[in-house]
Amino acid sequence: MRRSTWTILGAAVLCLGIGLPVAAGRSTPEHDSNQFVPVSPSRMLDTRDGTGGTTGPIAADTSFDLQITGTPIGDPIVPVGAIAVVLNLTYVDGAGPGFITVWPHGEQRPLASSLNKVGAGPLGNMLTVKLGADGALSIFNQRSPAHFVADIAGYYLPSVAGAARQCQPGTFMSGLDADGNVMCAAPAAAPTAVALSQTCPAHSYVIAIDAAGAVRCAALEAHFTSTVTSIGFGTLGLGTETGFSDITVTNIGDGESGIISVTSDSSDFVASTGTCAGTSLAPGDTCTARVKFAPTVVGARSATLTIAGAASGTKLVPLIGTGATPMLVLVTPATLTPSYSGGAWYTMTVDVTNIGTIPATVGPNWSVGTIGWNDISCGSPLAPGATCSFLLHLFESTPGTYEYDVAVVPGIGPTRTFHLTFTRT
């Protein structure tokens, strides 16, 4: 008895503003780098059970509000001083298509879509949204009813310089209250010539005059802004990975950053320094960091990409993606006994079923030695739950009993093998 092993290959188929002096020669950046505060994912809205203050499906073409600041989400509570929020918004039990818009409460609704509804859902999107003056968001649901769920991932606080600009001319920022609100005060005495002539330490500058009329100094620092505030990678099968996504970082501060590092706090997201490798960003300079998604666990995955300068400057970018079940291709011979087809050739039909959750492709037609195959209906990507068929061609010129192990190998997931025995008379 002769025994052969054959494999059918496949592939996967997806501060100031108050008139105070600033050091000569220093240019004030047009924008300040605000501080991102990540938090453990917490549910802030679920219209199915009333979390967030709204209960029941949201009717078509209506809006509702969601209070963010001062709302308990565990520890800590989002402070009143927060200026933006990062959250994952999901719709469920949708009754049809449409779009969803999220915007700062109290402002005019923009002509923009934050999430598009396709079918019943669930379908989500990670958003970074500015908060209204009262710390709330407004959410508009277009065209068809749906339930809404929102989980917070973090929030932004204003930079010190940005917060200080909230004070009126002639006053200075004296601190933040317990809720994160800026506190302002008037100086007790006018600045003296002696105070103004004080020299700040190296790599620092005059930022304000305190209540006693003395000079306050601040260090020259790098502040980073980036081309993206968060990245969603969608759904991907275990054992595969996306291409790299680029994040261009600009130093909008007034000091050197020091050598840049780029790290991820989850092995599901692979970070690369890209063009930032070995680079120290001077004010106005840019470089490009990179990150890709390579899920190792089934389900929703999240992480924070940290881009940091050795001396100063940090940018945090929330990441999200979903790991899916690997493709499992089940092979079922439709005919256990090959049929004679003339000469020394025998043929049999084999069915392949994708029992995974990701589309699969069964490999190209090929023929080697005494076994070959050609496609009947497996030429297109095989959807989850779908079945296709191909023909095996067996060539044996000498009478006898033959055995074959025929394997179908998807791009990812385990190989499925069936054993074939037939007799050539």
Protein backbone atom coordinates (compact mmCIF):
# COMPACT_ATOMS: atom_id res chain seq x y z
CA MET A 1 0.00 0.00 0.00
CA ARG A 2 1.35 3.44 -0.95
CA ARG A 3 0.57 6.54 1.08
CA SER A 4 0.84 10.17 -0.06
CA THR A 5 0.17 13.51 1.66
CA TRP A 6 -1.06 16.50 -0.36
CA THR A 7 -1.93 20.00 0.70
CA ILE A 8 -4.38 22.50 -0.85
CA LEU A 9 -3.17 25.97 0.10
CA GLY A 10 -5.35 28.98 0.87
CA ALA A 11 -5.00 32.57 2.01
CA ALA A 12 -6.86 34.94 4.31
CA VAL A 13 -9.15 37.40 2.61
CA LEU A 14 -9.07 42.72 5.71
CA CYS A 15 -1.12 81.66 29.49
CA LEU A 16 -1.48 84.23 29.26
CA GLY A 17 -3.65 86.83 27.42
CA ILE A 18 -3.38 89.24 30.36
CA GLY A 19 -0.73 91.66 29.17
CA LEU A 20 2.08 90.21 31.31
CA PRO A 21 5.69 90.21 30.11
CA VAL A 22 7.16 87.32 28.18
CA ALA A 23 10.86 86.64 27.73
CA ALA A 24 12.37 88.44 24.75
CA GLY A 25 12.84 86.31 21.67
CA ARG A 26 10.27 83.69 22.75
CA SER A 27 7.42 83.01 20.33
CA THR A 28 4.12 81.99 21.95
CA PRO A 29 2.66 78.93 20.15
CA GLU A 30 -0.70 79.43 18.51
CA HIS A 31 -2.05 76.31 20.26
CA ASP A 32 -1.14 74.71 23.57
CA SER A 33 -0.83 70.99 24.15
CA ASN A 34 -3.71 69.93 26.37
CA GLN A 35 -3.36 67.07 28.85
CA PHE A 36 -5.02 63.71 28.10
CA VAL A 37 -6.11 61.76 31.17
CA PRO A 38 -6.82 58.07 30.40
CA VAL A 39 -9.31 56.21 32.61
CA SER A 40 -10.38 52.60 32.93
CA PRO A 41 -13.23 52.04 30.44
CA SER A 42 -16.51 52.95 32.17
CA ARG A 43 -20.08 53.03 30.89
CA MET A 44 -21.56 56.52 30.79
CA LEU A 45 -24.61 55.85 28.64
CA ASP A 46 -26.92 52.92 28.01
CA THR A 47 -30.44 53.79 26.89
CA ARG A 48 -31.50 50.19 27.46
CA ASP A 49 -31.27 50.55 31.26
CA GLY A 50 -31.25 54.34 31.77
CA THR A 51 -27.53 54.80 32.43
CA GLY A 52 -26.74 58.44 31.60
CA GLY A 53 -30.26 59.68 32.26
CA THR A 54 -32.00 58.62 29.03
CA THR A 55 -34.15 55.48 28.83
CA GLY A 56 -35.62 53.77 25.79
CA PRO A 57 -34.74 53.76 22.08
CA ILE A 58 -33.98 57.17 20.60
CA ALA A 59 -36.59 58.11 18.04
CA ALA A 60 -35.67 59.00 14.46
CA ASP A 61 -34.48 62.57 13.81
CA THR A 62 -34.31 63.50 17.50
CA SER A 63 -31.51 64.58 19.84
CA PHE A 64 -30.71 64.02 23.50
CA ASP A 65 -28.01 65.28 25.88
CA LEU A 66 -25.35 63.46 27.90
CA GLN A 67 -23.66 65.12 30.89
CA ILE A 68 -19.97 64.22 31.07
CA THR A 69 -18.32 66.39 33.75
CA GLY A 70 -19.32 65.81 37.35
CA THR A 71 -20.87 62.43 36.42
CA PRO A 72 -19.72 59.44 38.52
CA ILE A 73 -17.83 56.95 36.35
CA GLY A 74 -15.93 55.28 39.18
CA ASP A 75 -12.76 56.99 40.39
CA PRO A 76 -12.08 59.69 39.36
CA ILE A 77 -15.11 61.69 38.21
CA VAL A 78 -14.50 63.74 35.05
CA PRO A 79 -13.70 67.19 36.49
CA VAL A 80 -15.68 70.27 35.59
CA GLY A 81 -12.53 71.74 34.00
CA ALA A 82 -12.38 69.02 31.29
CA ILE A 83 -12.60 70.41 27.75
CA ALA A 84 -13.02 67.22 25.67
CA VAL A 85 -13.82 63.54 26.10
CA VAL A 86 -12.72 60.32 24.37
CA LEU A 87 -15.47 57.71 24.24
CA ASN A 88 -16.59 54.69 22.26
CA LEU A 89 -20.15 55.26 21.01
CA THR A 90 -22.15 52.22 19.89
CA TYR A 91 -25.69 51.85 18.56
CA VAL A 92 -27.64 48.61 19.11
CA ASP A 93 -31.04 47.28 18.07
CA GLY A 94 -31.18 49.66 15.14
CA ALA A 95 -34.36 49.71 13.06
CA GLY A 96 -32.72 50.85 9.82
CA PRO A 97 -29.96 52.98 8.26
CA GLY A 98 -29.00 56.54 9.13
CA PHE A 99 -26.22 58.48 10.81
CA ILE A 100 -25.38 59.77 14.30
CA THR A 101 -23.82 63.13 15.15
CA VAL A 102 -22.15 64.03 18.46
CA TRP A 103 -21.22 67.65 19.22
CA PRO A 104 -20.68 70.09 22.16
CA HIS A 105 -23.93 70.83 24.00
CA GLY A 106 -25.10 74.41 23.53
CA GLU A 107 -23.52 74.78 20.09
CA GLN A 108 -25.16 74.45 16.68
CA ARG A 109 -25.28 70.89 15.39
CA PRO A 110 -22.69 70.44 12.62
CA LEU A 111 -23.41 68.83 9.27
CA ALA A 112 -21.22 65.82 10.03
CA SER A 113 -21.51 62.14 10.87
CA SER A 114 -19.84 60.59 13.93
CA LEU A 115 -21.15 57.08 13.23
CA ASN A 116 -23.12 55.56 10.33
CA LYS A 117 -25.86 53.02 11.05
CA VAL A 118 -25.81 49.86 8.94
CA GLY A 119 -28.41 47.27 9.88
CA ALA A 120 -29.37 46.40 13.43
CA GLY A 121 -25.84 46.68 14.84
CA PRO A 122 -24.13 46.66 17.20
CA LEU A 123 -21.63 49.00 15.55
CA GLY A 124 -19.36 51.48 17.32
CA ASN A 125 -16.78 54.18 16.76
CA MET A 126 -14.21 55.80 19.05
CA LEU A 127 -14.67 59.60 19.17
CA THR A 128 -12.83 62.58 20.59
CA VAL A 129 -15.37 65.37 21.10
CA LYS A 130 -15.12 68.86 22.56
CA LEU A 131 -17.41 69.41 25.55
CA GLY A 132 -19.95 72.19 25.76
CA ALA A 133 -19.49 75.05 28.26
CA ASP A 134 -21.57 73.02 30.76
CA GLY A 135 -19.48 69.87 30.24
CA ALA A 136 -22.16 68.04 28.23
CA LEU A 137 -22.60 66.53 24.76
CA SER A 138 -25.58 66.43 22.41
CA ILE A 139 -26.33 63.33 20.31
CA PHE A 140 -28.53 63.36 17.18
CA ASN A 141 -30.06 60.16 15.75
CA GLN A 142 -31.06 60.41 12.10
CA ARG A 143 -33.71 58.47 10.19
CA SER A 144 -34.37 55.31 12.29
CA PRO A 145 -34.77 54.46 16.01
CA ALA A 146 -31.91 52.82 17.93
CA HIS A 147 -30.49 52.30 21.42
CA PHE A 148 -27.17 53.96 22.34
CA VAL A 149 -24.25 52.83 24.52
CA ALA A 150 -21.17 54.97 25.35
CA ASP A 151 -18.02 53.95 27.25
CA ILE A 152 -15.48 56.59 28.27
CA ALA A 153 -11.75 56.02 27.68
CA GLY A 154 -10.39 59.37 28.91
CA TYR A 155 -10.71 63.14 28.84
CA TYR A 156 -8.64 66.25 28.16
CA LEU A 157 -7.74 69.04 30.58
CA PRO A 158 -6.49 72.43 29.36
CA SER A 159 -2.77 73.22 29.51
CA VAL A 160 -1.60 75.61 32.22
CA ALA A 161 -1.13 78.38 29.68
CA GLY A 162 -4.52 77.70 28.13
CA ALA A 163 -6.20 77.73 31.53
CA ALA A 164 -4.53 80.98 32.48
CA ARG A 165 -6.00 82.67 29.42
CA GLN A 166 -9.41 82.33 31.07
CA CYS A 167 -8.43 85.06 33.55
CA GLN A 168 -9.34 88.69 32.81
CA PRO A 169 -6.66 91.29 32.02
CA GLY A 170 -5.06 92.60 35.19
CA THR A 171 -5.47 89.27 37.03
CA PHE A 172 -3.46 86.08 37.19
CA MET A 173 -4.22 82.37 37.48
CA SER A 174 -3.86 81.44 41.14
CA GLY A 175 -4.81 77.76 40.80
CA LEU A 176 -7.69 75.31 40.22
CA ASP A 177 -10.56 74.61 42.59
CA ALA A 178 -11.71 71.10 43.59
CA ASP A 179 -13.80 70.80 40.42
CA GLY A 180 -10.94 71.76 38.13
CA ASN A 181 -12.19 75.32 37.49
CA VAL A 182 -9.60 78.07 36.97
CA MET A 183 -9.27 80.50 39.92
CA CYS A 184 -8.10 84.04 39.16
CA ALA A 185 -6.88 86.81 41.48
CA ALA A 186 -5.63 90.38 41.26
CA PRO A 187 -2.03 91.10 42.37
CA ALA A 188 -1.68 92.80 45.76
CA ALA A 189 0.93 95.17 44.40
CA ALA A 190 2.05 96.42 41.03
CA PRO A 191 5.17 94.77 39.61
CA THR A 192 8.34 96.47 40.76
CA ALA A 193 11.33 97.30 38.62
CA VAL A 194 13.35 94.91 40.74
CA ALA A 195 10.88 92.10 40.16
CA LEU A 196 10.81 92.63 36.43
CA SER A 197 14.61 92.69 36.29
CA GLN A 198 14.86 89.26 37.90
CA THR A 199 16.42 86.69 35.62
CA CYS A 200 14.65 83.38 35.19
CA PRO A 201 16.81 80.22 35.23
CA ALA A 202 18.22 78.86 31.99
CA HIS A 203 15.67 77.30 29.64
CA SER A 204 12.78 79.19 31.31
CA TYR A 205 10.90 82.45 30.82
CA VAL A 206 8.74 84.99 32.67
CA ILE A 207 5.16 83.76 32.68
CA ALA A 208 3.35 86.01 35.17
CA ILE A 209 3.50 88.32 38.16
CA ASP A 210 2.22 86.72 41.36
CA ALA A 211 0.01 88.31 44.07
CA ALA A 212 3.03 89.84 45.81
CA GLY A 213 4.26 91.42 42.58
CA ALA A 214 7.12 88.95 42.10
CA VAL A 215 8.06 87.34 38.80
CA ARG A 216 6.92 83.78 38.17
CA CYS A 217 8.97 81.67 35.75
CA ALA A 218 8.14 78.63 33.66
CA ALA A 219 10.45 76.17 31.92
CA LEU A 220 10.75 76.04 28.16
CA GLU A 221 9.00 72.82 27.18
CA ALA A 222 8.05 70.79 24.16
CA HIS A 223 4.31 70.36 23.54
CA PHE A 224 3.08 67.87 20.97
CA THR A 225 0.13 67.96 18.61
CA SER A 226 -0.66 65.14 16.18
CA THR A 227 -2.57 64.53 12.96
CA VAL A 228 -4.89 62.03 14.70
CA THR A 229 -6.39 62.01 18.20
CA SER A 230 -7.42 58.33 18.22
CA ILE A 231 -7.24 55.31 15.89
CA GLY A 232 -9.85 52.59 15.35
CA PHE A 233 -8.59 49.50 13.48
CA GLY A 234 -11.90 47.64 13.12
CA THR A 235 -12.19 43.83 13.26
CA LEU A 236 -9.28 41.55 12.43
CA GLY A 237 -8.62 37.84 12.72
CA LEU A 238 -6.16 36.40 15.21
CA GLY A 239 -2.80 35.68 13.63
CA THR A 240 -3.08 38.58 11.15
CA GLU A 241 -2.16 42.23 11.39
CA THR A 242 -3.02 45.53 9.77
CA GLY A 243 -0.55 47.72 7.97
CA PHE A 244 1.05 50.54 9.94
CA SER A 245 -0.98 53.70 10.59
CA ASP A 246 1.06 56.91 10.68
CA ILE A 247 0.78 59.63 13.34
CA THR A 248 2.61 62.85 12.45
CA VAL A 249 3.74 64.68 15.60
CA THR A 250 4.63 68.39 15.73
CA ASN A 251 6.40 70.18 18.57
CA ILE A 252 4.31 73.34 19.05
CA GLY A 253 6.08 74.23 22.28
CA ASP A 254 9.12 76.40 22.89
CA GLY A 255 11.68 73.83 24.07
CA GLU A 256 13.51 70.74 22.80
CA SER A 257 11.76 67.43 23.34
CA GLY A 258 14.79 65.21 23.75
CA ILE A 259 14.95 61.79 22.04
CA ILE A 260 11.45 60.55 21.13
CA SER A 261 10.10 57.20 22.34
CA VAL A 262 6.92 55.53 21.03
CA THR A 263 5.31 52.79 23.16
CA SER A 264 2.04 50.88 23.43
CA ASP A 265 0.68 49.46 26.68
CA SER A 266 -0.80 46.38 24.95
CA SER A 267 0.88 43.64 22.90
CA ASP A 268 -2.12 43.74 20.53
CA PHE A 269 -0.91 47.10 19.21
CA VAL A 270 2.64 47.20 17.84
CA ALA A 271 4.36 50.59 18.08
CA SER A 272 7.22 51.86 15.92
CA THR A 273 9.24 55.07 16.27
CA GLY A 274 9.18 55.51 12.48
CA THR A 275 10.97 58.70 11.48
CA CYS A 276 11.00 59.77 15.16
CA ALA A 277 13.75 57.21 15.88
CA GLY A 278 16.77 58.93 17.43
CA THR A 279 15.13 62.33 16.92
CA SER A 280 14.86 65.30 19.27
CA LEU A 281 12.21 67.70 18.06
CA ALA A 282 13.02 71.39 18.15
CA PRO A 283 10.11 73.86 18.24
CA GLY A 284 8.20 73.57 14.96
CA ASP A 285 9.80 70.25 13.95
CA THR A 286 7.79 67.14 13.03
CA CYS A 287 8.31 63.39 12.84
CA THR A 288 6.08 60.37 12.14
CA ALA A 289 5.36 57.57 14.62
CA ARG A 290 3.63 54.34 13.55
CA VAL A 291 1.34 51.69 15.05
CA LYS A 292 -0.41 48.55 13.78
CA PHE A 293 -3.03 46.16 15.17
CA ALA A 294 -2.16 42.45 15.61
CA PRO A 295 -4.84 40.94 17.88
CA THR A 296 -3.88 38.03 20.12
CA VAL A 297 -7.21 37.70 21.96
CA VAL A 298 -10.79 37.47 20.69
CA GLY A 299 -12.96 40.48 21.55
CA ALA A 300 -12.63 44.26 21.92
CA ARG A 301 -9.07 45.44 22.51
CA SER A 302 -7.89 48.91 23.55
CA ALA A 303 -4.60 50.57 24.40
CA THR A 304 -2.84 53.92 24.62
CA LEU A 305 0.02 54.86 22.31
CA THR A 306 2.47 57.12 24.17
CA ILE A 307 4.74 59.43 22.18
CA ALA A 308 7.15 61.06 24.65
CA GLY A 309 10.25 63.21 24.59
CA ALA A 310 13.08 62.36 26.96
CA ALA A 311 13.18 65.99 28.17
CA SER A 312 9.56 67.11 27.79
CA GLY A 313 6.46 66.66 25.68
CA THR A 314 3.98 63.78 25.68
CA LYS A 315 1.17 62.83 23.30
CA LEU A 316 -1.29 60.04 24.14
CA VAL A 317 -3.31 58.45 21.32
CA PRO A 318 -6.15 56.03 22.27
CA LEU A 319 -6.25 52.84 20.17
CA ILE A 320 -9.10 50.39 19.68
CA GLY A 321 -9.70 47.23 17.65
CA THR A 322 -11.49 43.88 17.81
CA GLY A 323 -9.94 40.42 17.57
CA ALA A 324 -12.06 37.84 15.75
CA THR A 325 -12.23 34.06 15.74
CA PRO A 326 -9.73 32.54 13.29
CA MET A 327 -11.04 31.01 10.08
CA LEU A 328 -11.92 27.35 10.63
CA VAL A 329 -12.38 25.52 7.35
CA LEU A 330 -14.18 22.20 7.70
CA VAL A 331 -13.68 19.69 4.89
CA THR A 332 -16.48 17.21 4.17
CA PRO A 333 -16.14 14.71 1.32
CA ALA A 334 -19.44 14.67 -0.54
CA THR A 335 -18.58 11.32 -2.11
CA LEU A 336 -16.60 8.77 -0.14
CA THR A 337 -15.87 6.56 -3.14
CA PRO A 338 -14.13 8.19 -6.13
CA SER A 339 -15.75 7.55 -9.49
CA TYR A 340 -13.84 6.25 -12.46
CA SER A 341 -13.54 8.89 -15.24
CA GLY A 342 -11.71 7.04 -18.00
CA GLY A 343 -8.10 6.07 -18.42
CA ALA A 344 -6.34 6.12 -15.07
CA TRP A 345 -8.19 9.17 -13.71
CA TYR A 346 -10.67 9.14 -10.83
CA THR A 347 -12.60 12.15 -9.55
CA MET A 348 -14.51 13.06 -6.40
CA THR A 349 -16.34 16.16 -5.14
CA VAL A 350 -15.24 17.78 -1.86
CA ASP A 351 -17.21 20.45 0.04
CA VAL A 352 -15.48 23.15 2.11
CA THR A 353 -17.44 25.04 4.80
CA ASN A 354 -16.18 28.18 6.55
CA ILE A 355 -17.29 27.78 10.17
CA GLY A 356 -15.32 30.83 11.34
CA THR A 357 -16.31 34.49 11.55
CA ILE A 358 -13.98 35.88 8.88
CA PRO A 359 -14.13 35.40 5.09
CA ALA A 360 -11.75 32.72 3.74
CA THR A 361 -10.31 31.80 0.37
CA VAL A 362 -9.50 28.24 -0.66
CA GLY A 363 -6.31 28.26 -2.73
CA PRO A 364 -5.76 28.40 -6.50
CA ASN A 365 -6.17 25.46 -8.89
CA TRP A 366 -3.08 23.28 -9.13
CA SER A 367 -2.02 19.78 -10.11
CA VAL A 368 1.03 17.85 -8.91
CA GLY A 369 2.00 14.28 -9.70
CA THR A 370 -0.83 11.85 -9.18
CA ILE A 371 -3.33 14.25 -7.60
CA GLY A 372 -4.82 17.53 -8.71
CA TRP A 373 -7.90 19.64 -8.22
CA ASN A 374 -9.94 22.28 -9.95
CA ASP A 375 -12.56 24.69 -8.68
CA ILE A 376 -16.31 24.32 -8.95
CA SER A 377 -17.50 27.19 -6.73
CA CYS A 378 -14.55 28.11 -4.44
CA GLY A 379 -13.14 30.89 -6.59
CA SER A 380 -14.58 33.77 -4.52
CA PRO A 381 -13.98 34.61 -0.83
CA LEU A 382 -15.98 32.18 1.28
CA ALA A 383 -18.25 34.04 3.73
CA PRO A 384 -18.69 32.76 7.31
CA GLY A 385 -21.14 29.84 7.24
CA ALA A 386 -20.92 29.43 3.44
CA THR A 387 -19.93 26.27 1.58
CA CYS A 388 -18.16 25.77 -1.75
CA SER A 389 -17.04 22.70 -3.72
CA PHE A 390 -14.08 21.53 -5.77
CA LEU A 391 -13.13 18.37 -7.69
CA LEU A 392 -10.22 16.12 -6.76
CA HIS A 393 -8.55 14.28 -9.65
CA LEU A 394 -6.67 11.09 -8.79
CA PHE A 395 -4.33 9.39 -11.26
CA GLU A 396 -3.08 5.87 -10.63
CA SER A 397 -2.15 3.61 -13.57
CA THR A 398 -1.29 0.50 -11.57
CA PRO A 399 -4.01 -1.59 -9.89
CA GLY A 400 -3.91 -1.50 -6.10
CA THR A 401 -5.20 0.25 -3.00
CA TYR A 402 -4.16 3.88 -2.47
CA GLU A 403 -4.45 6.28 0.48
CA TYR A 404 -4.31 10.07 0.48
CA ASP A 405 -4.37 12.70 3.20
CA VAL A 406 -5.78 15.84 1.58
CA ALA A 407 -5.49 19.06 3.62
CA VAL A 408 -7.21 22.41 3.14
CA VAL A 409 -5.18 25.23 4.70
CA PRO A 410 -6.82 28.63 5.20
CA GLY A 411 -4.75 31.80 5.62
CA ILE A 412 -5.11 31.54 9.40
CA GLY A 413 -6.56 28.93 11.72
CA PRO A 414 -6.05 25.17 11.86
CA THR A 415 -5.62 22.93 8.82
CA ARG A 416 -8.53 20.53 8.19
CA THR A 417 -7.59 17.14 6.74
CA PHE A 418 -9.62 14.22 5.43
CA HIS A 419 -8.37 10.74 4.68
CA LEU A 420 -9.18 9.12 1.33
CA THR A 421 -8.78 5.43 0.47
CA PHE A 422 -9.70 3.88 -2.86
CA THR A 423 -8.88 0.84 -4.94
CA ARG A 424 -7.68 0.95 -8.54
CA THR A 425 -8.78 -2.15 -10.36
